[in-house]
Amino acid sequence: MVDLSGSVLVIGYGNPQRGDDGVAWKVLDSLRATQPRPDAPPLRLKRVHQLAPELADPASRARAVIFVDARADAEAGKVSCEPVTPGAGTGSLTHSLSPQAVLLYAERLFGHVPRAAVVTVGGTSFDHGDELSPEALRAVPKAARRIRSLARLWARQSLPEPARA
């Protein structure tokens, strides 16, 4: 069942003990610190180490989903946002899924694919440790603003049609 309250599921994934790989968790901390905001729809925040099939159920019930991750192949501190649609993606379908695969499971198992995007932050240091690089740390507020902006946009738009079997 779709959450008609307008809440947006934000899934931050990565390893907070591997430097910039934990940037998504810091972005969710930033979002949590500013909840609730009267000018934005409610955000449901979920932290995970990796994407897994179990996320298909909450994703299928969300009005929209925003995945947040670090990116090793991007300019340090650069925040990017790309739409996501169901598909196999680059990960396997059994362990450590891609955002596309989570949406594919949501569609196939639960019959609903929410609007979705992935917000990434370019990282430089993925060594052991819980500190972010200065570039990734400076990008946290920008990523949080991008997520809130996208959530506000989607809240003003009507829901997409449910997937057909």
N, C-alpha and C. Protein backbone atom coordinates (compact mmCIF):
# COMPACT_ATOMS: atom_id res chain seq x y z
N MET A 1 0.84 -1.18 0.00
CA MET A 1 0.00 0.00 0.00
C MET A 1 0.89 1.25 0.00
N VAL A 2 0.57 2.19 -0.84
CA VAL A 2 1.35 3.41 -0.96
C VAL A 2 1.05 4.34 0.21
N ASP A 3 2.05 4.98 0.72
CA ASP A 3 1.92 5.95 1.81
C ASP A 3 1.42 7.27 1.22
N LEU A 4 0.12 7.52 1.36
CA LEU A 4 -0.47 8.72 0.78
C LEU A 4 -0.25 9.95 1.64
N SER A 5 0.41 9.79 2.78
CA SER A 5 0.68 10.95 3.64
C SER A 5 1.71 11.88 3.01
N GLY A 6 2.38 11.41 1.99
CA GLY A 6 3.36 12.24 1.33
C GLY A 6 4.78 12.03 1.83
N SER A 7 4.98 11.10 2.76
CA SER A 7 6.34 10.91 3.25
C SER A 7 7.23 10.27 2.18
N VAL A 8 8.49 10.61 2.25
CA VAL A 8 9.49 10.12 1.31
C VAL A 8 10.48 9.27 2.10
N LEU A 9 10.75 8.07 1.60
CA LEU A 9 11.72 7.18 2.22
C LEU A 9 13.12 7.55 1.72
N VAL A 10 14.03 7.83 2.65
CA VAL A 10 15.41 8.16 2.30
C VAL A 10 16.28 7.03 2.87
N ILE A 11 16.95 6.30 1.98
CA ILE A 11 17.79 5.18 2.38
C ILE A 11 19.25 5.57 2.18
N GLY A 12 19.97 5.73 3.28
CA GLY A 12 21.39 6.02 3.22
C GLY A 12 22.16 4.73 3.41
N TYR A 13 23.06 4.43 2.49
CA TYR A 13 23.80 3.18 2.61
C TYR A 13 25.29 3.40 2.42
N GLY A 14 26.03 2.51 3.11
CA GLY A 14 27.49 2.59 3.09
C GLY A 14 28.03 2.13 4.42
N ASN A 15 29.33 2.16 4.55
CA ASN A 15 29.99 1.70 5.77
C ASN A 15 30.59 2.90 6.50
N PRO A 16 30.00 3.27 7.64
CA PRO A 16 30.51 4.45 8.36
C PRO A 16 31.89 4.25 8.98
N GLN A 17 32.43 3.05 8.89
CA GLN A 17 33.78 2.78 9.39
C GLN A 17 34.82 2.75 8.27
N ARG A 18 34.41 3.24 7.08
CA ARG A 18 35.33 3.28 5.93
C ARG A 18 35.39 4.68 5.33
N GLY A 19 35.67 5.66 6.17
CA GLY A 19 35.86 7.03 5.71
C GLY A 19 34.66 7.57 4.97
N ASP A 20 34.89 8.05 3.74
CA ASP A 20 33.83 8.69 2.97
C ASP A 20 32.69 7.75 2.59
N ASP A 21 32.88 6.44 2.71
CA ASP A 21 31.79 5.51 2.44
C ASP A 21 30.64 5.72 3.42
N GLY A 22 30.90 6.36 4.54
CA GLY A 22 29.86 6.65 5.53
C GLY A 22 29.17 7.98 5.34
N VAL A 23 29.40 8.68 4.23
CA VAL A 23 28.82 10.00 4.04
C VAL A 23 27.30 9.97 4.04
N ALA A 24 26.70 8.90 3.53
CA ALA A 24 25.23 8.83 3.50
C ALA A 24 24.65 8.86 4.91
N TRP A 25 25.32 8.21 5.84
CA TRP A 25 24.85 8.20 7.22
C TRP A 25 24.90 9.61 7.80
N LYS A 26 25.95 10.37 7.46
CA LYS A 26 26.06 11.76 7.93
C LYS A 26 24.98 12.64 7.30
N VAL A 27 24.65 12.38 6.05
CA VAL A 27 23.58 13.13 5.39
C VAL A 27 22.26 12.86 6.12
N LEU A 28 21.99 11.60 6.47
CA LEU A 28 20.77 11.28 7.21
C LEU A 28 20.77 11.93 8.59
N ASP A 29 21.93 11.98 9.24
CA ASP A 29 22.03 12.68 10.53
C ASP A 29 21.64 14.15 10.36
N SER A 30 22.11 14.77 9.29
CA SER A 30 21.79 16.17 9.01
C SER A 30 20.29 16.34 8.78
N LEU A 31 19.69 15.44 8.02
CA LEU A 31 18.25 15.50 7.76
C LEU A 31 17.46 15.31 9.05
N ARG A 32 17.90 14.36 9.87
CA ARG A 32 17.21 14.07 11.14
C ARG A 32 17.25 15.30 12.06
N ALA A 33 18.36 16.01 12.07
CA ALA A 33 18.53 17.18 12.94
C ALA A 33 17.59 18.31 12.54
N THR A 34 17.11 18.32 11.31
CA THR A 34 16.24 19.39 10.86
C THR A 34 14.79 18.95 10.68
N GLN A 35 14.45 17.74 11.14
CA GLN A 35 13.07 17.25 11.03
C GLN A 35 12.28 17.72 12.22
N PRO A 36 10.99 17.94 12.17
CA PRO A 36 10.25 18.14 10.93
C PRO A 36 10.36 19.59 10.47
N ARG A 37 10.17 19.77 9.20
CA ARG A 37 10.20 21.12 8.61
C ARG A 37 8.81 21.40 8.05
N PRO A 38 8.24 22.55 8.38
CA PRO A 38 6.89 22.85 7.91
C PRO A 38 6.78 23.00 6.39
N ASP A 39 7.90 23.32 5.72
CA ASP A 39 7.87 23.52 4.28
C ASP A 39 8.19 22.27 3.48
N ALA A 40 8.34 21.12 4.17
CA ALA A 40 8.74 19.90 3.47
C ALA A 40 7.90 18.72 3.93
N PRO A 41 7.73 17.73 3.06
CA PRO A 41 7.02 16.53 3.47
C PRO A 41 7.85 15.75 4.49
N PRO A 42 7.19 14.92 5.30
CA PRO A 42 7.96 14.12 6.25
C PRO A 42 8.91 13.16 5.52
N LEU A 43 10.08 12.98 6.09
CA LEU A 43 11.06 12.04 5.55
C LEU A 43 11.16 10.86 6.50
N ARG A 44 11.11 9.66 5.94
CA ARG A 44 11.38 8.45 6.73
C ARG A 44 12.82 8.07 6.41
N LEU A 45 13.68 8.10 7.42
CA LEU A 45 15.11 7.90 7.21
C LEU A 45 15.51 6.49 7.63
N LYS A 46 16.26 5.82 6.76
CA LYS A 46 16.70 4.45 7.04
C LYS A 46 18.17 4.32 6.67
N ARG A 47 18.97 3.87 7.65
CA ARG A 47 20.40 3.63 7.41
C ARG A 47 20.65 2.13 7.25
N VAL A 48 21.41 1.76 6.25
CA VAL A 48 21.78 0.36 6.03
C VAL A 48 23.22 0.31 5.53
N HIS A 49 23.86 -0.83 5.75
CA HIS A 49 25.22 -1.00 5.25
C HIS A 49 25.22 -1.30 3.75
N GLN A 50 24.19 -2.02 3.31
CA GLN A 50 24.08 -2.33 1.89
C GLN A 50 22.61 -2.51 1.54
N LEU A 51 22.28 -2.34 0.27
CA LEU A 51 20.92 -2.52 -0.17
C LEU A 51 20.62 -4.01 -0.26
N ALA A 52 19.43 -4.41 0.20
CA ALA A 52 19.06 -5.81 0.26
C ALA A 52 17.60 -5.98 -0.17
N PRO A 53 17.20 -7.19 -0.52
CA PRO A 53 15.81 -7.44 -0.97
C PRO A 53 14.75 -6.97 0.04
N GLU A 54 15.07 -6.99 1.32
CA GLU A 54 14.11 -6.59 2.35
C GLU A 54 13.67 -5.13 2.21
N LEU A 55 14.43 -4.33 1.50
CA LEU A 55 14.06 -2.92 1.31
C LEU A 55 12.97 -2.74 0.27
N ALA A 56 12.66 -3.78 -0.49
CA ALA A 56 11.61 -3.68 -1.50
C ALA A 56 10.25 -3.39 -0.88
N ASP A 57 9.97 -3.97 0.28
CA ASP A 57 8.67 -3.75 0.92
C ASP A 57 8.49 -2.30 1.34
N PRO A 58 9.38 -1.72 2.16
CA PRO A 58 9.16 -0.31 2.49
C PRO A 58 9.24 0.61 1.28
N ALA A 59 10.05 0.27 0.29
CA ALA A 59 10.13 1.09 -0.93
C ALA A 59 8.79 1.04 -1.67
N SER A 60 8.17 -0.11 -1.72
CA SER A 60 6.89 -0.24 -2.45
C SER A 60 5.77 0.53 -1.77
N ARG A 61 5.89 0.79 -0.48
CA ARG A 61 4.86 1.51 0.27
C ARG A 61 5.12 3.01 0.34
N ALA A 62 6.25 3.46 -0.20
CA ALA A 62 6.61 4.88 -0.12
C ALA A 62 6.03 5.66 -1.29
N ARG A 63 5.79 6.92 -1.05
CA ARG A 63 5.38 7.82 -2.13
C ARG A 63 6.56 8.01 -3.09
N ALA A 64 7.76 8.09 -2.52
CA ALA A 64 8.99 8.24 -3.29
C ALA A 64 10.15 7.73 -2.45
N VAL A 65 11.25 7.38 -3.13
CA VAL A 65 12.44 6.88 -2.44
C VAL A 65 13.65 7.64 -2.97
N ILE A 66 14.50 8.05 -2.03
CA ILE A 66 15.77 8.66 -2.39
C ILE A 66 16.87 7.82 -1.76
N PHE A 67 17.73 7.27 -2.60
CA PHE A 67 18.89 6.50 -2.15
C PHE A 67 20.06 7.47 -2.02
N VAL A 68 20.88 7.31 -0.98
CA VAL A 68 22.03 8.20 -0.76
C VAL A 68 23.27 7.33 -0.60
N ASP A 69 24.33 7.68 -1.32
CA ASP A 69 25.55 6.86 -1.28
C ASP A 69 26.77 7.72 -1.58
N ALA A 70 27.93 7.19 -1.24
CA ALA A 70 29.22 7.78 -1.62
C ALA A 70 29.56 7.28 -3.02
N ARG A 71 30.42 8.03 -3.68
CA ARG A 71 30.82 7.64 -5.03
C ARG A 71 32.32 7.85 -5.17
N ALA A 72 33.03 6.77 -5.44
CA ALA A 72 34.49 6.83 -5.55
C ALA A 72 34.96 7.39 -6.89
N ASP A 73 34.11 7.29 -7.91
CA ASP A 73 34.52 7.71 -9.26
C ASP A 73 34.02 9.11 -9.63
N ALA A 74 33.75 9.93 -8.62
CA ALA A 74 33.28 11.30 -8.87
C ALA A 74 34.24 12.28 -8.21
N GLU A 75 34.15 13.52 -8.65
CA GLU A 75 34.96 14.58 -8.06
C GLU A 75 34.66 14.67 -6.56
N ALA A 76 35.70 14.81 -5.77
CA ALA A 76 35.56 14.86 -4.32
C ALA A 76 34.59 15.96 -3.90
N GLY A 77 33.60 15.60 -3.12
CA GLY A 77 32.63 16.55 -2.60
C GLY A 77 31.51 16.92 -3.56
N LYS A 78 31.54 16.41 -4.78
CA LYS A 78 30.49 16.73 -5.75
C LYS A 78 29.22 15.97 -5.41
N VAL A 79 28.10 16.69 -5.34
CA VAL A 79 26.80 16.08 -5.08
C VAL A 79 26.08 15.93 -6.42
N SER A 80 25.63 14.72 -6.70
CA SER A 80 24.91 14.43 -7.94
C SER A 80 23.56 13.81 -7.60
N CYS A 81 22.62 13.98 -8.50
CA CYS A 81 21.30 13.40 -8.33
C CYS A 81 20.85 12.85 -9.68
N GLU A 82 20.47 11.57 -9.69
CA GLU A 82 20.04 10.93 -10.92
C GLU A 82 18.76 10.15 -10.67
N PRO A 83 17.83 10.13 -11.63
CA PRO A 83 16.63 9.32 -11.46
C PRO A 83 16.97 7.84 -11.50
N VAL A 84 16.14 7.04 -10.85
CA VAL A 84 16.34 5.59 -10.81
C VAL A 84 15.05 4.92 -11.24
N THR A 85 15.18 3.91 -12.10
CA THR A 85 14.03 3.11 -12.53
C THR A 85 14.34 1.64 -12.28
N PRO A 86 13.31 0.80 -12.24
CA PRO A 86 13.55 -0.62 -11.97
C PRO A 86 14.46 -1.26 -13.01
N GLY A 87 15.31 -2.17 -12.56
CA GLY A 87 16.21 -2.90 -13.44
C GLY A 87 17.22 -3.64 -12.61
N ALA A 88 18.03 -4.45 -13.23
CA ALA A 88 19.03 -5.22 -12.49
C ALA A 88 20.14 -4.35 -11.96
N GLY A 89 20.45 -3.25 -12.63
CA GLY A 89 21.54 -2.38 -12.18
C GLY A 89 22.87 -3.08 -12.30
N THR A 90 23.85 -2.62 -11.55
CA THR A 90 25.19 -3.19 -11.66
C THR A 90 25.49 -4.21 -10.57
N GLY A 91 24.64 -4.32 -9.55
CA GLY A 91 24.86 -5.30 -8.50
C GLY A 91 24.15 -6.61 -8.83
N SER A 92 24.36 -7.60 -8.00
CA SER A 92 23.67 -8.87 -8.20
C SER A 92 22.26 -8.75 -7.64
N LEU A 93 21.42 -9.73 -7.90
CA LEU A 93 20.05 -9.71 -7.38
C LEU A 93 19.92 -10.51 -6.09
N THR A 94 21.02 -10.91 -5.48
CA THR A 94 20.93 -11.72 -4.27
C THR A 94 21.67 -11.10 -3.09
N HIS A 95 22.71 -10.35 -3.33
CA HIS A 95 23.55 -9.79 -2.27
C HIS A 95 23.93 -8.37 -2.69
N SER A 96 23.85 -7.43 -1.81
CA SER A 96 24.23 -6.06 -2.10
C SER A 96 23.63 -5.57 -3.41
N LEU A 97 22.36 -5.24 -3.36
CA LEU A 97 21.62 -4.82 -4.55
C LEU A 97 21.95 -3.40 -4.97
N SER A 98 21.59 -3.08 -6.19
CA SER A 98 21.63 -1.71 -6.70
C SER A 98 20.28 -1.06 -6.38
N PRO A 99 20.19 0.27 -6.41
CA PRO A 99 18.88 0.91 -6.26
C PRO A 99 17.88 0.42 -7.31
N GLN A 100 18.35 0.20 -8.54
CA GLN A 100 17.47 -0.29 -9.60
C GLN A 100 16.87 -1.65 -9.24
N ALA A 101 17.68 -2.52 -8.64
CA ALA A 101 17.20 -3.85 -8.27
C ALA A 101 16.19 -3.78 -7.12
N VAL A 102 16.40 -2.87 -6.16
CA VAL A 102 15.41 -2.70 -5.08
C VAL A 102 14.07 -2.32 -5.68
N LEU A 103 14.08 -1.41 -6.64
CA LEU A 103 12.83 -1.01 -7.30
C LEU A 103 12.23 -2.14 -8.12
N LEU A 104 13.07 -2.94 -8.75
CA LEU A 104 12.58 -4.09 -9.51
C LEU A 104 11.86 -5.08 -8.59
N TYR A 105 12.46 -5.35 -7.43
CA TYR A 105 11.81 -6.21 -6.44
C TYR A 105 10.49 -5.59 -5.98
N ALA A 106 10.47 -4.29 -5.73
CA ALA A 106 9.24 -3.61 -5.29
C ALA A 106 8.14 -3.79 -6.34
N GLU A 107 8.51 -3.64 -7.59
CA GLU A 107 7.54 -3.78 -8.68
C GLU A 107 7.05 -5.21 -8.80
N ARG A 108 7.96 -6.15 -8.82
CA ARG A 108 7.59 -7.55 -9.04
C ARG A 108 6.88 -8.19 -7.85
N LEU A 109 7.32 -7.85 -6.64
CA LEU A 109 6.75 -8.49 -5.45
C LEU A 109 5.54 -7.76 -4.88
N PHE A 110 5.51 -6.44 -5.02
CA PHE A 110 4.47 -5.66 -4.34
C PHE A 110 3.63 -4.80 -5.28
N GLY A 111 3.98 -4.75 -6.56
CA GLY A 111 3.15 -4.08 -7.54
C GLY A 111 3.19 -2.57 -7.54
N HIS A 112 4.17 -1.98 -6.87
CA HIS A 112 4.26 -0.52 -6.89
C HIS A 112 5.72 -0.08 -6.98
N VAL A 113 5.98 0.82 -7.91
CA VAL A 113 7.31 1.42 -8.04
C VAL A 113 7.15 2.91 -7.75
N PRO A 114 7.73 3.38 -6.66
CA PRO A 114 7.65 4.81 -6.37
C PRO A 114 8.61 5.60 -7.25
N ARG A 115 8.40 6.89 -7.31
CA ARG A 115 9.42 7.75 -7.91
C ARG A 115 10.70 7.52 -7.13
N ALA A 116 11.83 7.61 -7.80
CA ALA A 116 13.08 7.35 -7.08
C ALA A 116 14.24 8.08 -7.73
N ALA A 117 15.22 8.37 -6.89
CA ALA A 117 16.46 9.00 -7.34
C ALA A 117 17.58 8.52 -6.44
N VAL A 118 18.79 8.66 -6.93
CA VAL A 118 19.96 8.40 -6.11
C VAL A 118 20.76 9.69 -6.02
N VAL A 119 21.08 10.07 -4.80
CA VAL A 119 21.92 11.24 -4.54
C VAL A 119 23.28 10.70 -4.09
N THR A 120 24.32 11.11 -4.79
CA THR A 120 25.66 10.64 -4.45
C THR A 120 26.57 11.81 -4.09
N VAL A 121 27.57 11.48 -3.27
CA VAL A 121 28.59 12.45 -2.88
C VAL A 121 29.94 11.85 -3.25
N GLY A 122 30.73 12.57 -4.02
CA GLY A 122 32.06 12.10 -4.38
C GLY A 122 32.96 12.05 -3.16
N GLY A 123 33.66 10.93 -3.03
CA GLY A 123 34.57 10.75 -1.90
C GLY A 123 36.00 10.55 -2.36
N THR A 124 36.93 10.73 -1.42
CA THR A 124 38.35 10.55 -1.74
C THR A 124 39.02 9.52 -0.85
N SER A 125 38.52 9.34 0.35
CA SER A 125 39.16 8.44 1.31
C SER A 125 38.19 7.36 1.76
N PHE A 126 38.52 6.12 1.45
CA PHE A 126 37.68 4.99 1.82
C PHE A 126 38.45 4.02 2.72
N ASP A 127 39.47 4.57 3.42
CA ASP A 127 40.26 3.78 4.35
C ASP A 127 39.47 3.54 5.63
N HIS A 128 40.01 2.67 6.49
CA HIS A 128 39.38 2.42 7.79
C HIS A 128 39.37 3.70 8.61
N GLY A 129 38.26 3.92 9.29
CA GLY A 129 38.11 5.10 10.13
C GLY A 129 36.75 5.73 9.94
N ASP A 130 36.31 6.46 10.94
CA ASP A 130 34.96 7.02 10.88
C ASP A 130 34.93 8.51 10.53
N GLU A 131 36.05 9.06 10.12
CA GLU A 131 36.11 10.48 9.74
C GLU A 131 35.92 10.62 8.23
N LEU A 132 35.14 11.64 7.85
CA LEU A 132 34.99 11.96 6.44
C LEU A 132 36.12 12.88 6.00
N SER A 133 36.44 12.82 4.70
CA SER A 133 37.40 13.78 4.15
C SER A 133 36.78 15.17 4.24
N PRO A 134 37.59 16.22 4.23
CA PRO A 134 37.04 17.58 4.28
C PRO A 134 36.05 17.85 3.14
N GLU A 135 36.33 17.34 1.95
CA GLU A 135 35.45 17.55 0.80
C GLU A 135 34.08 16.90 1.02
N ALA A 136 34.08 15.67 1.49
CA ALA A 136 32.80 14.97 1.74
C ALA A 136 32.04 15.63 2.88
N LEU A 137 32.74 16.03 3.91
CA LEU A 137 32.09 16.69 5.05
C LEU A 137 31.41 18.00 4.62
N ARG A 138 32.09 18.78 3.77
CA ARG A 138 31.50 20.03 3.28
C ARG A 138 30.28 19.77 2.39
N ALA A 139 30.21 18.59 1.77
CA ALA A 139 29.11 18.27 0.86
C ALA A 139 27.85 17.79 1.59
N VAL A 140 27.96 17.42 2.86
CA VAL A 140 26.81 16.89 3.60
C VAL A 140 25.62 17.85 3.59
N PRO A 141 25.78 19.13 3.96
CA PRO A 141 24.62 20.03 3.94
C PRO A 141 24.03 20.21 2.54
N LYS A 142 24.89 20.23 1.53
CA LYS A 142 24.42 20.39 0.15
C LYS A 142 23.58 19.18 -0.25
N ALA A 143 24.03 17.98 0.09
CA ALA A 143 23.27 16.76 -0.22
C ALA A 143 21.93 16.77 0.51
N ALA A 144 21.92 17.18 1.77
CA ALA A 144 20.68 17.25 2.55
C ALA A 144 19.71 18.24 1.92
N ARG A 145 20.21 19.39 1.48
CA ARG A 145 19.35 20.37 0.81
C ARG A 145 18.77 19.81 -0.48
N ARG A 146 19.59 19.10 -1.24
CA ARG A 146 19.13 18.50 -2.50
C ARG A 146 18.01 17.50 -2.22
N ILE A 147 18.16 16.71 -1.18
CA ILE A 147 17.13 15.71 -0.83
C ILE A 147 15.83 16.41 -0.41
N ARG A 148 15.93 17.42 0.45
CA ARG A 148 14.73 18.15 0.87
C ARG A 148 14.05 18.82 -0.32
N SER A 149 14.82 19.39 -1.21
CA SER A 149 14.26 20.04 -2.40
C SER A 149 13.52 19.03 -3.29
N LEU A 150 14.12 17.89 -3.51
CA LEU A 150 13.51 16.84 -4.33
C LEU A 150 12.23 16.33 -3.66
N ALA A 151 12.27 16.13 -2.35
CA ALA A 151 11.08 15.66 -1.62
C ALA A 151 9.95 16.68 -1.73
N ARG A 152 10.27 17.98 -1.61
CA ARG A 152 9.23 19.02 -1.75
C ARG A 152 8.62 19.00 -3.16
N LEU A 153 9.47 18.86 -4.16
CA LEU A 153 8.99 18.80 -5.54
C LEU A 153 8.04 17.63 -5.73
N TRP A 154 8.46 16.46 -5.29
CA TRP A 154 7.62 15.27 -5.46
C TRP A 154 6.33 15.35 -4.66
N ALA A 155 6.35 16.00 -3.50
CA ALA A 155 5.15 16.12 -2.67
C ALA A 155 4.10 16.98 -3.38
N ARG A 156 4.53 17.93 -4.21
CA ARG A 156 3.59 18.79 -4.93
C ARG A 156 3.02 18.11 -6.16
N GLN A 157 3.66 17.04 -6.62
CA GLN A 157 3.21 16.35 -7.82
C GLN A 157 2.30 15.19 -7.45
N SER A 158 1.46 14.79 -8.39
CA SER A 158 0.59 13.65 -8.14
C SER A 158 1.40 12.36 -8.18
N LEU A 159 0.83 11.32 -7.57
CA LEU A 159 1.50 10.02 -7.54
C LEU A 159 1.51 9.39 -8.93
N PRO A 160 2.56 8.62 -9.26
CA PRO A 160 2.58 7.92 -10.53
C PRO A 160 1.54 6.80 -10.51
N GLU A 161 1.15 6.37 -11.68
CA GLU A 161 0.21 5.25 -11.78
C GLU A 161 0.85 3.98 -11.23
N PRO A 162 0.06 3.12 -10.53
CA PRO A 162 0.62 1.86 -10.05
C PRO A 162 1.05 0.97 -11.22
N ALA A 163 2.03 0.12 -10.95
CA ALA A 163 2.49 -0.82 -11.98
C ALA A 163 1.38 -1.80 -12.31
N ARG A 164 1.30 -2.18 -13.55
CA ARG A 164 0.28 -3.14 -14.01
C ARG A 164 0.90 -4.53 -14.06
N ALA A 165 0.13 -5.52 -13.63
CA ALA A 165 0.63 -6.91 -13.65
C ALA A 165 0.50 -7.51 -15.01
